[in-house]
Amino acid sequence: MSRAANFHGTAIVVGTTGLLFVGPSGSGKTAAALHCIGRARERGLFAALVSDDQVLLEVAGGRILARPPATIAGMAEIRGSGIVQVETIGCAILGQAIRPVRTPFDERIAPEGEQSEILPGHRLPLVRLPVADGFDCFERLVRLLPLLVRN
């Protein structure tokens, strides 16, 4: 097991898949992640927050594990409103990186097989998730990653 690195992002679990929302501050990582948790639960799927804003990442057995720092476990920031309590899970194996993107998009279609280097030498497949007011982030995510609802 490697030493944990603090990563700026938001990690959740939907079903058995760990998702890491990546991108710059203010890009919609937390809002999209919380929306996905709520919509997944409405569909009867297990969904929980691992960590918001800071995620401790380490590699074990060739897989990237995500955990919350103890100081922020169970909390998420709703930008412009404050900190809220959210049901969490203590650890997740990450399987996918999600990058929220807003219009206008730089590219109409994302490059095929896109990946994100999460830790030096360790990558996750990356999906760009369009987000905007009125968008159902989870339904779009399911269209892009249908295996999320087959777990």
Protein backbone atom coordinates (compact mmCIF):
# COMPACT_ATOMS: atom_id res chain seq x y z
CA MET A 1 0.00 0.00 0.00
CA SER A 2 1.32 3.46 -0.83
CA ARG A 3 1.13 6.59 1.27
CA ALA A 4 -2.11 8.59 0.81
CA ALA A 5 -2.02 11.75 -1.31
CA ASN A 6 -4.52 14.57 -0.83
CA PHE A 7 -6.40 15.16 -4.11
CA HIS A 8 -8.71 18.10 -4.91
CA GLY A 9 -11.95 16.46 -6.06
CA THR A 10 -15.15 14.78 -4.93
CA ALA A 11 -15.53 11.00 -4.63
CA ILE A 12 -18.79 9.06 -4.49
CA VAL A 13 -19.98 5.49 -4.94
CA VAL A 14 -22.94 4.48 -7.11
CA GLY A 15 -23.75 0.79 -6.85
CA THR A 16 -20.28 -0.73 -6.62
CA THR A 17 -18.51 1.86 -8.78
CA GLY A 18 -16.31 4.53 -7.23
CA LEU A 19 -16.46 7.82 -9.15
CA LEU A 20 -13.97 10.66 -8.77
CA PHE A 21 -15.24 14.07 -9.93
CA VAL A 22 -12.27 16.10 -11.13
CA GLY A 23 -11.75 19.65 -12.36
CA PRO A 24 -10.94 23.13 -11.17
CA SER A 25 -12.59 24.82 -8.22
CA GLY A 26 -16.10 26.00 -9.11
CA SER A 27 -16.53 23.59 -12.05
CA GLY A 28 -19.52 21.83 -10.48
CA LYS A 29 -17.91 18.71 -9.02
CA THR A 30 -19.83 18.73 -5.73
CA ALA A 31 -23.16 19.78 -7.24
CA ALA A 32 -22.97 17.06 -9.89
CA ALA A 33 -21.85 14.43 -7.37
CA LEU A 34 -24.63 15.23 -4.88
CA HIS A 35 -27.20 15.26 -7.70
CA CYS A 36 -26.00 11.83 -8.84
CA ILE A 37 -26.23 10.43 -5.30
CA GLY A 38 -29.82 11.66 -4.94
CA ARG A 39 -30.99 10.43 -8.34
CA ALA A 40 -29.26 7.05 -7.93
CA ARG A 41 -31.05 6.55 -4.60
CA GLU A 42 -34.38 7.46 -6.25
CA ARG A 43 -33.73 4.54 -8.63
CA GLY A 44 -33.13 2.21 -5.69
CA LEU A 45 -29.35 2.09 -6.12
CA PHE A 46 -26.82 2.32 -3.33
CA ALA A 47 -25.11 5.71 -3.46
CA ALA A 48 -22.99 7.60 -0.95
CA LEU A 49 -20.39 10.31 -0.65
CA VAL A 50 -16.82 9.28 0.06
CA SER A 51 -15.37 12.77 0.37
CA ASP A 52 -15.91 16.30 -0.92
CA ASP A 53 -13.23 18.80 -1.89
CA GLN A 54 -10.35 16.76 -0.50
CA VAL A 55 -9.95 13.05 -1.13
CA LEU A 56 -7.16 10.91 0.26
CA LEU A 57 -5.98 8.62 -2.52
CA GLU A 58 -3.66 5.65 -2.30
CA VAL A 59 -2.81 2.66 -4.44
CA ALA A 60 -3.34 -0.85 -3.08
CA GLY A 61 -3.17 -3.98 -5.18
CA GLY A 62 -2.97 -1.86 -8.33
CA ARG A 63 -6.27 -0.09 -7.56
CA ILE A 64 -6.84 3.50 -6.52
CA LEU A 65 -8.58 3.78 -3.15
CA ALA A 66 -10.39 6.92 -1.97
CA ARG A 67 -10.99 7.89 1.65
CA PRO A 68 -12.13 11.07 3.38
CA PRO A 69 -9.80 13.11 5.60
CA ALA A 70 -11.11 12.70 9.17
CA THR A 71 -11.65 16.45 9.55
CA ILE A 72 -14.24 16.64 6.74
CA ALA A 73 -15.78 13.15 6.75
CA GLY A 74 -19.54 13.28 6.21
CA MET A 75 -19.54 16.89 5.02
CA ALA A 76 -20.04 18.56 1.65
CA GLU A 77 -20.02 22.21 0.66
CA ILE A 78 -22.97 23.61 -1.23
CA ARG A 79 -21.32 26.61 -2.86
CA GLY A 80 -22.94 29.86 -1.82
CA SER A 81 -24.92 28.19 0.99
CA GLY A 82 -22.66 26.33 3.39
CA ILE A 83 -21.62 22.95 4.71
CA VAL A 84 -24.14 20.10 4.91
CA GLN A 85 -24.03 16.60 6.36
CA VAL A 86 -24.16 13.79 3.81
CA GLU A 87 -24.34 10.01 4.25
CA THR A 88 -20.87 8.67 3.56
CA ILE A 89 -18.92 5.51 3.05
CA GLY A 90 -15.41 5.27 4.50
CA CYS A 91 -13.56 3.90 1.47
CA ALA A 92 -14.11 3.16 -2.20
CA ILE A 93 -12.20 1.62 -5.08
CA LEU A 94 -12.26 4.19 -7.86
CA GLY A 95 -13.24 2.99 -11.30
CA GLN A 96 -13.98 6.17 -13.22
CA ALA A 97 -13.08 9.87 -13.33
CA ILE A 98 -15.84 12.35 -14.18
CA ARG A 99 -15.10 15.89 -15.37
CA PRO A 100 -18.08 18.28 -15.24
CA VAL A 101 -18.10 20.55 -18.31
CA ARG A 102 -20.25 23.58 -19.03
CA THR A 103 -21.33 25.15 -22.30
CA PRO A 104 -19.90 26.41 -24.51
CA PHE A 105 -17.89 23.20 -24.90
CA ASP A 106 -14.37 23.44 -26.25
CA GLU A 107 -14.99 20.27 -28.26
CA ARG A 108 -18.32 18.86 -29.40
CA ILE A 109 -17.15 15.28 -28.87
CA ALA A 110 -14.60 14.21 -26.27
CA PRO A 111 -11.57 12.23 -27.41
CA GLU A 112 -12.18 8.47 -27.44
CA GLY A 113 -10.46 6.54 -24.63
CA GLU A 114 -9.74 9.70 -22.63
CA GLN A 115 -8.02 9.14 -19.29
CA SER A 116 -7.02 11.25 -16.31
CA GLU A 117 -3.80 10.74 -14.40
CA ILE A 118 -5.03 10.72 -10.80
CA LEU A 119 -1.74 9.78 -9.16
CA PRO A 120 1.68 9.59 -10.81
CA GLY A 121 1.57 6.54 -13.06
CA HIS A 122 -2.07 5.74 -12.20
CA ARG A 123 -4.91 6.68 -14.53
CA LEU A 124 -8.67 6.34 -14.58
CA PRO A 125 -10.92 6.36 -17.64
CA LEU A 126 -12.43 9.86 -17.94
CA VAL A 127 -15.94 10.86 -18.95
CA ARG A 128 -16.88 14.49 -19.55
CA LEU A 129 -20.28 15.19 -17.98
CA PRO A 130 -22.22 18.18 -19.33
CA VAL A 131 -23.69 20.17 -16.45
CA ALA A 132 -26.00 23.19 -16.48
CA ASP A 133 -29.11 24.41 -14.73
CA GLY A 134 -31.95 22.06 -15.57
CA PHE A 135 -29.67 19.19 -16.68
CA ASP A 136 -30.20 15.83 -15.02
CA CYS A 137 -26.56 14.94 -14.40
CA PHE A 138 -27.31 11.37 -13.38
CA GLU A 139 -29.39 10.55 -16.46
CA ARG A 140 -26.62 11.92 -18.66
CA LEU A 141 -24.04 9.94 -16.70
CA VAL A 142 -26.06 6.73 -17.10
CA ARG A 143 -26.20 7.34 -20.88
CA LEU A 144 -22.40 7.67 -20.88
CA LEU A 145 -21.78 4.83 -18.38
CA PRO A 146 -24.70 2.38 -18.60
CA LEU A 147 -22.91 -0.12 -16.34
CA LEU A 148 -23.64 2.17 -13.38
CA VAL A 149 -27.20 0.94 -13.23
CA ARG A 150 -26.37 -2.72 -13.92
CA ASN A 151 -24.29 -3.30 -10.77
